[in-house]
PDB file of N, CA and C in Angstrom:
ATOM      1  N   GLN A   1     -45.452  -5.730  31.000  1.00  0.00           N
ATOM      2  CA  GLN A   1     -45.194  -4.528  31.742  1.00  0.00           C
ATOM      3  C   GLN A   1     -45.362  -3.355  30.828  1.00  0.00           C
ATOM      4  N   VAL A   2     -46.037  -2.377  31.039  1.00  0.00           N
ATOM      5  CA  VAL A   2     -46.155  -1.142  30.568  1.00  0.00           C
ATOM      6  C   VAL A   2     -45.228  -0.227  31.085  1.00  0.00           C
ATOM      7  N   GLU A   3     -44.366   0.574  30.139  1.00  0.00           N
ATOM      8  CA  GLU A   3     -43.630   1.515  30.511  1.00  0.00           C
ATOM      9  C   GLU A   3     -43.795   2.723  29.577  1.00  0.00           C
ATOM     10  N   LEU A   4     -43.767   4.133  30.266  1.00  0.00           N
ATOM     11  CA  LEU A   4     -43.910   5.268  29.600  1.00  0.00           C
ATOM     12  C   LEU A   4     -42.530   6.041  29.911  1.00  0.00           C
ATOM     13  N   VAL A   5     -42.050   6.489  28.771  1.00  0.00           N
ATOM     14  CA  VAL A   5     -40.805   7.374  28.767  1.00  0.00           C
ATOM     15  C   VAL A   5     -40.905   8.568  28.120  1.00  0.00           C
ATOM     16  N   GLU A   6     -40.693   9.642  29.080  1.00  0.00           N
ATOM     17  CA  GLU A   6     -40.756  10.981  28.586  1.00  0.00           C
ATOM     18  C   GLU A   6     -39.617  11.634  28.040  1.00  0.00           C
ATOM     19  N   SER A   7     -39.432  12.532  27.130  1.00  0.00           N
ATOM     20  CA  SER A   7     -38.103  13.083  26.868  1.00  0.00           C
ATOM     21  C   SER A   7     -38.637  14.595  26.451  1.00  0.00           C
ATOM     22  N   GLY A   8     -37.439  15.473  26.392  1.00  0.00           N
ATOM     23  CA  GLY A   8     -37.737  16.718  25.783  1.00  0.00           C
ATOM     24  C   GLY A   8     -37.715  17.880  26.947  1.00  0.00           C
ATOM     25  N   GLY A   9     -37.677  17.696  28.151  1.00  0.00           N
ATOM     26  CA  GLY A   9     -37.580  18.615  29.161  1.00  0.00           C
ATOM     27  C   GLY A   9     -36.450  19.479  29.188  1.00  0.00           C
ATOM     28  N   GLY A  10     -36.368  20.548  29.883  1.00  0.00           N
ATOM     29  CA  GLY A  10     -35.192  21.526  29.865  1.00  0.00           C
ATOM     30  C   GLY A  10     -35.531  22.833  30.411  1.00  0.00           C
ATOM     31  N   LEU A  11     -34.598  23.792  30.091  1.00  0.00           N
ATOM     32  CA  LEU A  11     -34.839  25.303  30.649  1.00  0.00           C
ATOM     33  C   LEU A  11     -35.169  25.911  29.395  1.00  0.00           C
ATOM     34  N   VAL A  12     -36.364  26.974  29.415  1.00  0.00           N
ATOM     35  CA  VAL A  12     -36.728  27.623  28.596  1.00  0.00           C
ATOM     36  C   VAL A  12     -36.834  29.040  28.892  1.00  0.00           C
ATOM     37  N   GLN A  13     -36.712  30.019  28.120  1.00  0.00           N
ATOM     38  CA  GLN A  13     -36.670  31.366  28.419  1.00  0.00           C
ATOM     39  C   GLN A  13     -38.458  31.726  28.316  1.00  0.00           C
ATOM     40  N   SER A  14     -38.777  32.602  29.193  1.00  0.00           N
ATOM     41  CA  SER A  14     -40.152  32.880  29.138  1.00  0.00           C
ATOM     42  C   SER A  14     -40.671  33.453  27.684  1.00  0.00           C
ATOM     43  N   GLY A  15     -41.668  32.925  27.249  1.00  0.00           N
ATOM     44  CA  GLY A  15     -42.142  33.395  25.879  1.00  0.00           C
ATOM     45  C   GLY A  15     -41.821  32.445  24.811  1.00  0.00           C
ATOM     46  N   GLY A  16     -40.844  31.337  25.125  1.00  0.00           N
ATOM     47  CA  GLY A  16     -40.505  30.449  24.174  1.00  0.00           C
ATOM     48  C   GLY A  16     -41.424  29.261  24.199  1.00  0.00           C
ATOM     49  N   SER A  17     -41.025  28.112  23.622  1.00  0.00           N
ATOM     50  CA  SER A  17     -41.748  26.969  23.246  1.00  0.00           C
ATOM     51  C   SER A  17     -40.887  25.693  23.459  1.00  0.00           C
ATOM     52  N   LEU A  18     -41.642  24.753  23.916  1.00  0.00           N
ATOM     53  CA  LEU A  18     -40.947  23.495  24.139  1.00  0.00           C
ATOM     54  C   LEU A  18     -41.831  22.343  23.858  1.00  0.00           C
ATOM     55  N   THR A  19     -41.316  21.185  23.317  1.00  0.00           N
ATOM     56  CA  THR A  19     -42.072  19.996  22.915  1.00  0.00           C
ATOM     57  C   THR A  19     -41.580  18.935  23.742  1.00  0.00           C
ATOM     58  N   LEU A  20     -42.494  18.214  24.439  1.00  0.00           N
ATOM     59  CA  LEU A  20     -42.212  16.904  25.154  1.00  0.00           C
ATOM     60  C   LEU A  20     -42.958  15.982  24.297  1.00  0.00           C
ATOM     61  N   SER A  21     -42.164  14.686  24.527  1.00  0.00           N
ATOM     62  CA  SER A  21     -42.566  13.522  23.834  1.00  0.00           C
ATOM     63  C   SER A  21     -42.680  12.418  24.821  1.00  0.00           C
ATOM     64  N   CYS A  22     -43.629  11.377  24.645  1.00  0.00           N
ATOM     65  CA  CYS A  22     -43.841  10.230  25.366  1.00  0.00           C
ATOM     66  C   CYS A  22     -44.093   8.980  24.530  1.00  0.00           C
ATOM     67  N   ALA A  23     -43.369   8.028  24.882  1.00  0.00           N
ATOM     68  CA  ALA A  23     -43.542   6.818  24.228  1.00  0.00           C
ATOM     69  C   ALA A  23     -43.780   5.494  25.189  1.00  0.00           C
ATOM     70  N   VAL A  24     -44.932   4.802  24.648  1.00  0.00           N
ATOM     71  CA  VAL A  24     -45.455   3.718  25.373  1.00  0.00           C
ATOM     72  C   VAL A  24     -44.854   2.417  24.890  1.00  0.00           C
ATOM     73  N   SER A  25     -44.475   1.738  25.964  1.00  0.00           N
ATOM     74  CA  SER A  25     -43.934   0.463  25.310  1.00  0.00           C
ATOM     75  C   SER A  25     -44.523  -0.848  26.209  1.00  0.00           C
ATOM     76  N   GLY A  26     -44.316  -2.073  25.945  1.00  0.00           N
ATOM     77  CA  GLY A  26     -44.762  -3.102  26.826  1.00  0.00           C
ATOM     78  C   GLY A  26     -46.163  -3.487  26.662  1.00  0.00           C
ATOM     79  N   GLY A  27     -46.917  -4.160  27.456  1.00  0.00           N
ATOM     80  CA  GLY A  27     -48.297  -4.338  27.243  1.00  0.00           C
ATOM     81  C   GLY A  27     -48.486  -5.823  27.508  1.00  0.00           C
ATOM     82  N   PRO A  28     -49.585  -6.474  27.475  1.00  0.00           N
ATOM     83  CA  PRO A  28     -50.731  -5.775  26.485  1.00  0.00           C
ATOM     84  C   PRO A  28     -51.517  -4.758  27.212  1.00  0.00           C
ATOM     85  N   PHE A  29     -52.122  -3.840  26.394  1.00  0.00           N
ATOM     86  CA  PHE A  29     -53.077  -2.654  26.798  1.00  0.00           C
ATOM     87  C   PHE A  29     -53.719  -2.203  25.667  1.00  0.00           C
ATOM     88  N   THR A  30     -55.017  -1.551  25.945  1.00  0.00           N
ATOM     89  CA  THR A  30     -55.635  -0.665  25.024  1.00  0.00           C
ATOM     90  C   THR A  30     -55.881   0.590  25.557  1.00  0.00           C
ATOM     91  N   ILE A  31     -55.261   1.526  24.971  1.00  0.00           N
ATOM     92  CA  ILE A  31     -55.345   2.967  25.314  1.00  0.00           C
ATOM     93  C   ILE A  31     -56.742   3.466  25.324  1.00  0.00           C
ATOM     94  N   TYR A  32     -57.202   4.027  26.654  1.00  0.00           N
ATOM     95  CA  TYR A  32     -58.309   4.692  26.657  1.00  0.00           C
ATOM     96  C   TYR A  32     -58.048   6.400  26.600  1.00  0.00           C
ATOM     97  N   SER A  33     -56.941   6.674  27.275  1.00  0.00           N
ATOM     98  CA  SER A  33     -56.398   7.975  27.262  1.00  0.00           C
ATOM     99  C   SER A  33     -54.988   8.055  27.207  1.00  0.00           C
ATOM    100  N   LEU A  34     -54.434   9.076  26.694  1.00  0.00           N
ATOM    101  CA  LEU A  34     -52.965   9.281  26.579  1.00  0.00           C
ATOM    102  C   LEU A  34     -52.692  10.749  26.604  1.00  0.00           C
ATOM    103  N   GLY A  35     -51.810  11.160  27.593  1.00  0.00           N
ATOM    104  CA  GLY A  35     -51.379  12.715  27.535  1.00  0.00           C
ATOM    105  C   GLY A  35     -50.608  13.007  28.619  1.00  0.00           C
ATOM    106  N   TRP A  36     -50.912  14.302  29.122  1.00  0.00           N
ATOM    107  CA  TRP A  36     -49.798  14.754  29.917  1.00  0.00           C
ATOM    108  C   TRP A  36     -50.483  15.570  31.278  1.00  0.00           C
ATOM    109  N   TYR A  37     -49.811  15.365  32.512  1.00  0.00           N
ATOM    110  CA  TYR A  37     -50.069  16.069  33.728  1.00  0.00           C
ATOM    111  C   TYR A  37     -48.804  16.820  34.023  1.00  0.00           C
ATOM    112  N   ARG A  38     -48.825  17.770  34.918  1.00  0.00           N
ATOM    113  CA  ARG A  38     -47.813  18.347  35.585  1.00  0.00           C
ATOM    114  C   ARG A  38     -48.042  18.515  36.872  1.00  0.00           C
ATOM    115  N   GLN A  39     -46.933  18.805  37.600  1.00  0.00           N
ATOM    116  CA  GLN A  39     -46.750  18.888  39.149  1.00  0.00           C
ATOM    117  C   GLN A  39     -45.719  19.891  39.463  1.00  0.00           C
ATOM    118  N   ALA A  40     -46.279  21.177  39.793  1.00  0.00           N
ATOM    119  CA  ALA A  40     -45.176  22.298  40.161  1.00  0.00           C
ATOM    120  C   ALA A  40     -44.901  22.173  41.712  1.00  0.00           C
ATOM    121  N   PRO A  41     -43.800  22.493  42.156  1.00  0.00           N
ATOM    122  CA  PRO A  41     -43.372  22.514  43.443  1.00  0.00           C
ATOM    123  C   PRO A  41     -44.302  22.989  44.515  1.00  0.00           C
ATOM    124  N   GLY A  42     -44.633  22.025  45.529  1.00  0.00           N
ATOM    125  CA  GLY A  42     -45.531  22.278  46.611  1.00  0.00           C
ATOM    126  C   GLY A  42     -47.318  22.327  45.941  1.00  0.00           C
ATOM    127  N   GLN A  43     -47.253  21.837  44.747  1.00  0.00           N
ATOM    128  CA  GLN A  43     -48.751  21.861  44.364  1.00  0.00           C
ATOM    129  C   GLN A  43     -49.338  20.481  43.900  1.00  0.00           C
ATOM    130  N   GLN A  44     -50.546  20.396  43.569  1.00  0.00           N
ATOM    131  CA  GLN A  44     -51.126  18.936  43.330  1.00  0.00           C
ATOM    132  C   GLN A  44     -50.904  18.748  41.923  1.00  0.00           C
ATOM    133  N   ARG A  45     -50.715  17.499  41.386  1.00  0.00           N
ATOM    134  CA  ARG A  45     -50.707  17.184  40.041  1.00  0.00           C
ATOM    135  C   ARG A  45     -51.953  17.592  39.222  1.00  0.00           C
ATOM    136  N   GLU A  46     -51.709  18.211  38.026  1.00  0.00           N
ATOM    137  CA  GLU A  46     -52.946  18.623  37.262  1.00  0.00           C
ATOM    138  C   GLU A  46     -52.936  18.148  35.928  1.00  0.00           C
ATOM    139  N   MET A  47     -54.004  18.165  35.262  1.00  0.00           N
ATOM    140  CA  MET A  47     -53.760  17.663  33.864  1.00  0.00           C
ATOM    141  C   MET A  47     -53.655  18.655  32.955  1.00  0.00           C
ATOM    142  N   VAL A  48     -52.730  18.330  31.799  1.00  0.00           N
ATOM    143  CA  VAL A  48     -52.415  19.444  30.944  1.00  0.00           C
ATOM    144  C   VAL A  48     -53.150  19.314  29.500  1.00  0.00           C
ATOM    145  N   ALA A  49     -53.024  18.074  29.139  1.00  0.00           N
ATOM    146  CA  ALA A  49     -53.563  17.727  27.689  1.00  0.00           C
ATOM    147  C   ALA A  49     -53.788  16.278  27.783  1.00  0.00           C
ATOM    148  N   LEU A  50     -54.941  15.833  27.240  1.00  0.00           N
ATOM    149  CA  LEU A  50     -55.359  14.255  27.039  1.00  0.00           C
ATOM    150  C   LEU A  50     -55.964  14.177  25.753  1.00  0.00           C
ATOM    151  N   GLN A  51     -55.547  13.045  25.106  1.00  0.00           N
ATOM    152  CA  GLN A  51     -56.374  12.668  24.073  1.00  0.00           C
ATOM    153  C   GLN A  51     -56.913  11.150  24.294  1.00  0.00           C
ATOM    154  N   PHE A  52     -58.506  11.165  24.035  1.00  0.00           N
ATOM    155  CA  PHE A  52     -59.102   9.924  24.548  1.00  0.00           C
ATOM    156  C   PHE A  52     -59.243   9.142  23.018  1.00  0.00           C
ATOM    157  N   SER A  53     -59.733   7.913  23.358  1.00  0.00           N
ATOM    158  CA  SER A  53     -59.864   6.844  22.369  1.00  0.00           C
ATOM    159  C   SER A  53     -60.771   7.285  21.155  1.00  0.00           C
ATOM    160  N   ASP A  54     -61.891   8.078  21.552  1.00  0.00           N
ATOM    161  CA  ASP A  54     -62.687   8.597  20.453  1.00  0.00           C
ATOM    162  C   ASP A  54     -62.084   9.712  19.731  1.00  0.00           C
ATOM    163  N   GLY A  55     -60.738  10.088  20.094  1.00  0.00           N
ATOM    164  CA  GLY A  55     -60.291  11.189  19.186  1.00  0.00           C
ATOM    165  C   GLY A  55     -60.274  12.512  19.878  1.00  0.00           C
ATOM    166  N   SER A  56     -61.276  12.619  20.717  1.00  0.00           N
ATOM    167  CA  SER A  56     -61.372  14.125  21.382  1.00  0.00           C
ATOM    168  C   SER A  56     -60.278  14.255  22.096  1.00  0.00           C
ATOM    169  N   THR A  57     -59.860  15.695  22.308  1.00  0.00           N
ATOM    170  CA  THR A  57     -58.601  16.261  22.904  1.00  0.00           C
ATOM    171  C   THR A  57     -59.147  17.101  24.038  1.00  0.00           C
ATOM    172  N   PHE A  58     -58.564  17.081  25.330  1.00  0.00           N
ATOM    173  CA  PHE A  58     -58.663  18.060  26.300  1.00  0.00           C
ATOM    174  C   PHE A  58     -57.330  19.017  26.550  1.00  0.00           C
ATOM    175  N   HIS A  59     -57.443  20.262  26.398  1.00  0.00           N
ATOM    176  CA  HIS A  59     -56.193  21.083  26.700  1.00  0.00           C
ATOM    177  C   HIS A  59     -56.704  21.928  27.676  1.00  0.00           C
ATOM    178  N   GLU A  60     -55.798  21.981  28.737  1.00  0.00           N
ATOM    179  CA  GLU A  60     -55.845  22.859  29.922  1.00  0.00           C
ATOM    180  C   GLU A  60     -56.071  24.469  29.419  1.00  0.00           C
ATOM    181  N   GLU A  61     -55.134  24.635  28.494  1.00  0.00           N
ATOM    182  CA  GLU A  61     -55.031  25.961  27.807  1.00  0.00           C
ATOM    183  C   GLU A  61     -54.868  26.011  26.388  1.00  0.00           C
ATOM    184  N   GLY A  62     -55.213  26.868  25.649  1.00  0.00           N
ATOM    185  CA  GLY A  62     -54.730  26.878  24.210  1.00  0.00           C
ATOM    186  C   GLY A  62     -53.399  26.846  23.953  1.00  0.00           C
ATOM    187  N   ARG A  63     -52.470  27.093  25.020  1.00  0.00           N
ATOM    188  CA  ARG A  63     -51.074  27.245  24.711  1.00  0.00           C
ATOM    189  C   ARG A  63     -50.402  25.687  24.646  1.00  0.00           C
ATOM    190  N   PHE A  64     -51.295  24.638  24.976  1.00  0.00           N
ATOM    191  CA  PHE A  64     -50.760  23.168  25.190  1.00  0.00           C
ATOM    192  C   PHE A  64     -51.330  22.493  23.796  1.00  0.00           C
ATOM    193  N   ASN A  65     -50.627  22.303  22.937  1.00  0.00           N
ATOM    194  CA  ASN A  65     -50.994  21.479  21.591  1.00  0.00           C
ATOM    195  C   ASN A  65     -50.537  20.141  21.601  1.00  0.00           C
ATOM    196  N   LEU A  66     -51.501  19.014  21.830  1.00  0.00           N
ATOM    197  CA  LEU A  66     -51.194  17.632  21.872  1.00  0.00           C
ATOM    198  C   LEU A  66     -51.277  17.203  20.362  1.00  0.00           C
ATOM    199  N   THR A  67     -50.272  16.468  20.334  1.00  0.00           N
ATOM    200  CA  THR A  67     -50.357  15.520  18.981  1.00  0.00           C
ATOM    201  C   THR A  67     -50.034  14.194  19.093  1.00  0.00           C
ATOM    202  N   ARG A  68     -51.034  13.302  18.503  1.00  0.00           N
ATOM    203  CA  ARG A  68     -50.552  11.849  18.567  1.00  0.00           C
ATOM    204  C   ARG A  68     -49.726  11.443  17.522  1.00  0.00           C
ATOM    205  N   VAL A  69     -48.530  11.229  17.763  1.00  0.00           N
ATOM    206  CA  VAL A  69     -47.520  10.926  16.682  1.00  0.00           C
ATOM    207  C   VAL A  69     -47.981   9.646  16.018  1.00  0.00           C
ATOM    208  N   ASN A  70     -47.983   8.582  16.729  1.00  0.00           N
ATOM    209  CA  ASN A  70     -48.550   7.202  16.346  1.00  0.00           C
ATOM    210  C   ASN A  70     -49.403   6.549  17.489  1.00  0.00           C
ATOM    211  N   ALA A  71     -49.584   5.309  17.441  1.00  0.00           N
ATOM    212  CA  ALA A  71     -50.424   4.728  18.366  1.00  0.00           C
ATOM    213  C   ALA A  71     -49.839   4.799  19.611  1.00  0.00           C
ATOM    214  N   LYS A  72     -48.607   4.839  19.794  1.00  0.00           N
ATOM    215  CA  LYS A  72     -47.924   4.605  21.096  1.00  0.00           C
ATOM    216  C   LYS A  72     -47.239   5.841  21.510  1.00  0.00           C
ATOM    217  N   THR A  73     -47.173   6.879  20.740  1.00  0.00           N
ATOM    218  CA  THR A  73     -46.360   8.021  21.014  1.00  0.00           C
ATOM    219  C   THR A  73     -47.267   9.306  21.086  1.00  0.00           C
ATOM    220  N   VAL A  74     -47.067  10.238  21.951  1.00  0.00           N
ATOM    221  CA  VAL A  74     -47.848  11.513  21.867  1.00  0.00           C
ATOM    222  C   VAL A  74     -46.868  12.602  22.449  1.00  0.00           C
ATOM    223  N   SER A  75     -46.933  13.861  21.777  1.00  0.00           N
ATOM    224  CA  SER A  75     -46.236  14.871  22.129  1.00  0.00           C
ATOM    225  C   SER A  75     -47.151  16.021  22.618  1.00  0.00           C
ATOM    226  N   VAL A  76     -46.508  16.961  23.302  1.00  0.00           N
ATOM    227  CA  VAL A  76     -47.258  18.168  23.674  1.00  0.00           C
ATOM    228  C   VAL A  76     -46.362  19.357  23.362  1.00  0.00           C
ATOM    229  N   GLN A  77     -46.638  20.517  22.459  1.00  0.00           N
ATOM    230  CA  GLN A  77     -45.965  21.620  22.496  1.00  0.00           C
ATOM    231  C   GLN A  77     -46.512  22.570  23.238  1.00  0.00           C
ATOM    232  N   ILE A  78     -45.599  23.196  24.013  1.00  0.00           N
ATOM    233  CA  ILE A  78     -46.187  24.451  24.943  1.00  0.00           C
ATOM    234  C   ILE A  78     -45.675  25.604  24.501  1.00  0.00           C
ATOM    235  N   ASP A  79     -46.457  26.599  24.136  1.00  0.00           N
ATOM    236  CA  ASP A  79     -46.225  27.826  23.551  1.00  0.00           C
ATOM    237  C   ASP A  79     -46.239  28.857  24.614  1.00  0.00           C
ATOM    238  N   ARG A  80     -45.490  30.042  24.187  1.00  0.00           N
ATOM    239  CA  ARG A  80     -45.689  31.182  25.080  1.00  0.00           C
ATOM    240  C   ARG A  80     -45.416  30.822  26.395  1.00  0.00           C
ATOM    241  N   MET A  81     -44.355  30.296  26.862  1.00  0.00           N
ATOM    242  CA  MET A  81     -44.251  29.681  28.174  1.00  0.00           C
ATOM    243  C   MET A  81     -43.898  30.733  29.312  1.00  0.00           C
ATOM    244  N   LYS A  82     -44.645  30.383  30.450  1.00  0.00           N
ATOM    245  CA  LYS A  82     -44.373  31.312  31.582  1.00  0.00           C
ATOM    246  C   LYS A  82     -43.678  30.659  32.636  1.00  0.00           C
ATOM    247  N   PRO A  83     -43.033  31.445  33.632  1.00  0.00           N
ATOM    248  CA  PRO A  83     -42.475  31.007  34.767  1.00  0.00           C
ATOM    249  C   PRO A  83     -43.264  30.158  35.723  1.00  0.00           C
ATOM    250  N   GLU A  84     -44.754  30.211  35.415  1.00  0.00           N
ATOM    251  CA  GLU A  84     -45.679  29.417  36.163  1.00  0.00           C
ATOM    252  C   GLU A  84     -45.711  27.969  35.481  1.00  0.00           C
ATOM    253  N   ASP A  85     -45.051  27.789  34.374  1.00  0.00           N
ATOM    254  CA  ASP A  85     -45.175  26.569  33.708  1.00  0.00           C
ATOM    255  C   ASP A  85     -44.125  25.662  34.255  1.00  0.00           C
ATOM    256  N   THR A  86     -43.342  26.197  35.043  1.00  0.00           N
ATOM    257  CA  THR A  86     -42.222  25.229  35.647  1.00  0.00           C
ATOM    258  C   THR A  86     -42.863  24.101  36.480  1.00  0.00           C
ATOM    259  N   ALA A  87     -42.355  22.977  36.218  1.00  0.00           N
ATOM    260  CA  ALA A  87     -43.089  21.754  36.846  1.00  0.00           C
ATOM    261  C   ALA A  87     -42.274  20.537  36.424  1.00  0.00           C
ATOM    262  N   VAL A  88     -42.667  19.404  36.976  1.00  0.00           N
ATOM    263  CA  VAL A  88     -42.261  18.154  36.435  1.00  0.00           C
ATOM    264  C   VAL A  88     -43.435  17.693  35.642  1.00  0.00           C
ATOM    265  N   TYR A  89     -43.289  17.343  34.218  1.00  0.00           N
ATOM    266  CA  TYR A  89     -44.323  16.780  33.502  1.00  0.00           C
ATOM    267  C   TYR A  89     -44.380  15.425  33.270  1.00  0.00           C
ATOM    268  N   PHE A  90     -45.431  14.703  33.463  1.00  0.00           N
ATOM    269  CA  PHE A  90     -45.681  13.292  33.574  1.00  0.00           C
ATOM    270  C   PHE A  90     -46.505  12.829  32.483  1.00  0.00           C
ATOM    271  N   CYS A  91     -46.102  12.052  31.832  1.00  0.00           N
ATOM    272  CA  CYS A  91     -46.947  11.238  30.699  1.00  0.00           C
ATOM    273  C   CYS A  91     -47.890  10.232  31.461  1.00  0.00           C
ATOM    274  N   ASN A  92     -48.932  10.364  30.939  1.00  0.00           N
ATOM    275  CA  ASN A  92     -50.111   9.283  31.557  1.00  0.00           C
ATOM    276  C   ASN A  92     -50.873   8.379  30.573  1.00  0.00           C
ATOM    277  N   MET A  93     -51.095   7.257  30.827  1.00  0.00           N
ATOM    278  CA  MET A  93     -51.895   6.298  30.046  1.00  0.00           C
ATOM    279  C   MET A  93     -52.815   5.672  30.868  1.00  0.00           C
ATOM    280  N   GLU A  94     -54.076   5.562  30.527  1.00  0.00           N
ATOM    281  CA  GLU A  94     -55.151   4.815  31.087  1.00  0.00           C
ATOM    282  C   GLU A  94     -55.649   3.664  30.193  1.00  0.00           C
ATOM    283  N   ASP A  95     -55.555   2.528  30.600  1.00  0.00           N
ATOM    284  CA  ASP A  95     -56.032   1.337  29.932  1.00  0.00           C
ATOM    285  C   ASP A  95     -57.323   0.982  29.927  1.00  0.00           C
ATOM    286  N   ARG A  96     -57.803   0.974  28.719  1.00  0.00           N
ATOM    287  CA  ARG A  96     -59.461   0.726  28.732  1.00  0.00           C
ATOM    288  C   ARG A  96     -59.836  -0.610  29.237  1.00  0.00           C
ATOM    289  N   ASP A  97     -58.846  -1.652  29.115  1.00  0.00           N
ATOM    290  CA  ASP A  97     -59.175  -3.034  29.734  1.00  0.00           C
ATOM    291  C   ASP A  97     -59.408  -3.223  31.102  1.00  0.00           C
ATOM    292  N   ASP A  98     -58.683  -2.458  31.823  1.00  0.00           N
ATOM    293  CA  ASP A  98     -58.764  -2.563  33.396  1.00  0.00           C
ATOM    294  C   ASP A  98     -58.979  -1.300  34.170  1.00  0.00           C
ATOM    295  N   GLY A  99     -58.872  -0.187  33.504  1.00  0.00           N
ATOM    296  CA  GLY A  99     -58.977   1.074  34.123  1.00  0.00           C
ATOM    297  C   GLY A  99     -57.678   1.608  34.793  1.00  0.00           C
ATOM    298  N   ARG A 100     -56.831   0.758  34.708  1.00  0.00           N
ATOM    299  CA  ARG A 100     -55.394   1.135  35.314  1.00  0.00           C
ATOM    300  C   ARG A 100     -54.776   2.314  34.776  1.00  0.00           C
ATOM    301  N   LYS A 101     -54.145   3.255  35.433  1.00  0.00           N
ATOM    302  CA  LYS A 101     -53.444   4.272  34.980  1.00  0.00           C
ATOM    303  C   LYS A 101     -51.888   4.069  35.151  1.00  0.00           C
ATOM    304  N   TYR A 102     -51.087   4.516  34.029  1.00  0.00           N
ATOM    305  CA  TYR A 102     -49.661   4.319  34.234  1.00  0.00           C
ATOM    306  C   TYR A 102     -49.168   5.515  34.095  1.00  0.00           C
ATOM    307  N   TRP A 103     -47.916   5.926  34.724  1.00  0.00           N
ATOM    308  CA  TRP A 103     -47.088   7.012  34.520  1.00  0.00           C
ATOM    309  C   TRP A 103     -45.829   6.827  34.310  1.00  0.00           C
ATOM    310  N   GLY A 104     -45.184   7.959  33.586  1.00  0.00           N
ATOM    311  CA  GLY A 104     -43.789   7.887  33.367  1.00  0.00           C
ATOM    312  C   GLY A 104     -43.174   8.357  34.632  1.00  0.00           C
ATOM    313  N   LYS A 105     -41.715   8.489  34.585  1.00  0.00           N
ATOM    314  CA  LYS A 105     -41.016   9.055  35.741  1.00  0.00           C
ATOM    315  C   LYS A 105     -40.978  10.709  35.910  1.00  0.00           C
ATOM    316  N   GLY A 106     -41.387  11.124  34.700  1.00  0.00           N
ATOM    317  CA  GLY A 106     -41.359  12.626  34.561  1.00  0.00           C
ATOM    318  C   GLY A 106     -40.223  13.257  34.205  1.00  0.00           C
ATOM    319  N   THR A 107     -40.299  14.337  33.642  1.00  0.00           N
ATOM    320  CA  THR A 107     -39.472  15.241  32.952  1.00  0.00           C
ATOM    321  C   THR A 107     -39.433  16.482  33.404  1.00  0.00           C
ATOM    322  N   LEU A 108     -38.430  17.144  33.748  1.00  0.00           N
ATOM    323  CA  LEU A 108     -38.356  18.591  34.382  1.00  0.00           C
ATOM    324  C   LEU A 108     -38.402  19.624  33.274  1.00  0.00           C
ATOM    325  N   VAL A 109     -39.172  20.658  33.563  1.00  0.00           N
ATOM    326  CA  VAL A 109     -39.393  21.715  32.602  1.00  0.00           C
ATOM    327  C   VAL A 109     -39.219  23.148  33.634  1.00  0.00           C
ATOM    328  N   GLY A 110     -38.278  23.911  33.234  1.00  0.00           N
ATOM    329  CA  GLY A 110     -38.033  25.037  33.902  1.00  0.00           C
ATOM    330  C   GLY A 110     -38.044  26.325  33.015  1.00  0.00           C
ATOM    331  N   VAL A 111     -38.964  27.388  33.451  1.00  0.00           N
ATOM    332  CA  VAL A 111     -39.178  28.367  32.680  1.00  0.00           C
ATOM    333  C   VAL A 111     -38.450  29.783  33.498  1.00  0.00           C
ATOM    334  N   TRP A 112     -37.467  30.471  32.627  1.00  0.00           N
ATOM    335  CA  TRP A 112     -36.841  31.584  33.315  1.00  0.00           C
ATOM    336  C   TRP A 112     -37.345  32.929  32.678  1.00  0.00           C
ATOM    337  N   SER A 113     -37.445  34.014  33.319  1.00  0.00           N
ATOM    338  CA  SER A 113     -37.796  35.316  32.878  1.00  0.00           C
ATOM    339  C   SER A 113     -36.703  36.177  32.726  1.00  0.00           C
TER     340      SER A 113
END
């Protein structure tokens, strides 16, 4: 059984920074992609930052800096935060072996001005 656990959410003042972390456990699995999505109230879930197995990285904006801490841990630092960054942030992993996508339970981030 695969489990993704996020940490680091909370309240941040506009203009500040926040780092979220995600640890993957269980298995077996082979990571194809690992990273972050977010879902704001009343909005669809959207991709924030992902790293793929070839090492390439996608960032929705330059303010989102993804770091692969180790084989099963990824973090994202969000800089110059805005109120519109308020959302639940979800860790996501796609398994190369069967294409299945796994999700964490999410961590809430709130930005106040």
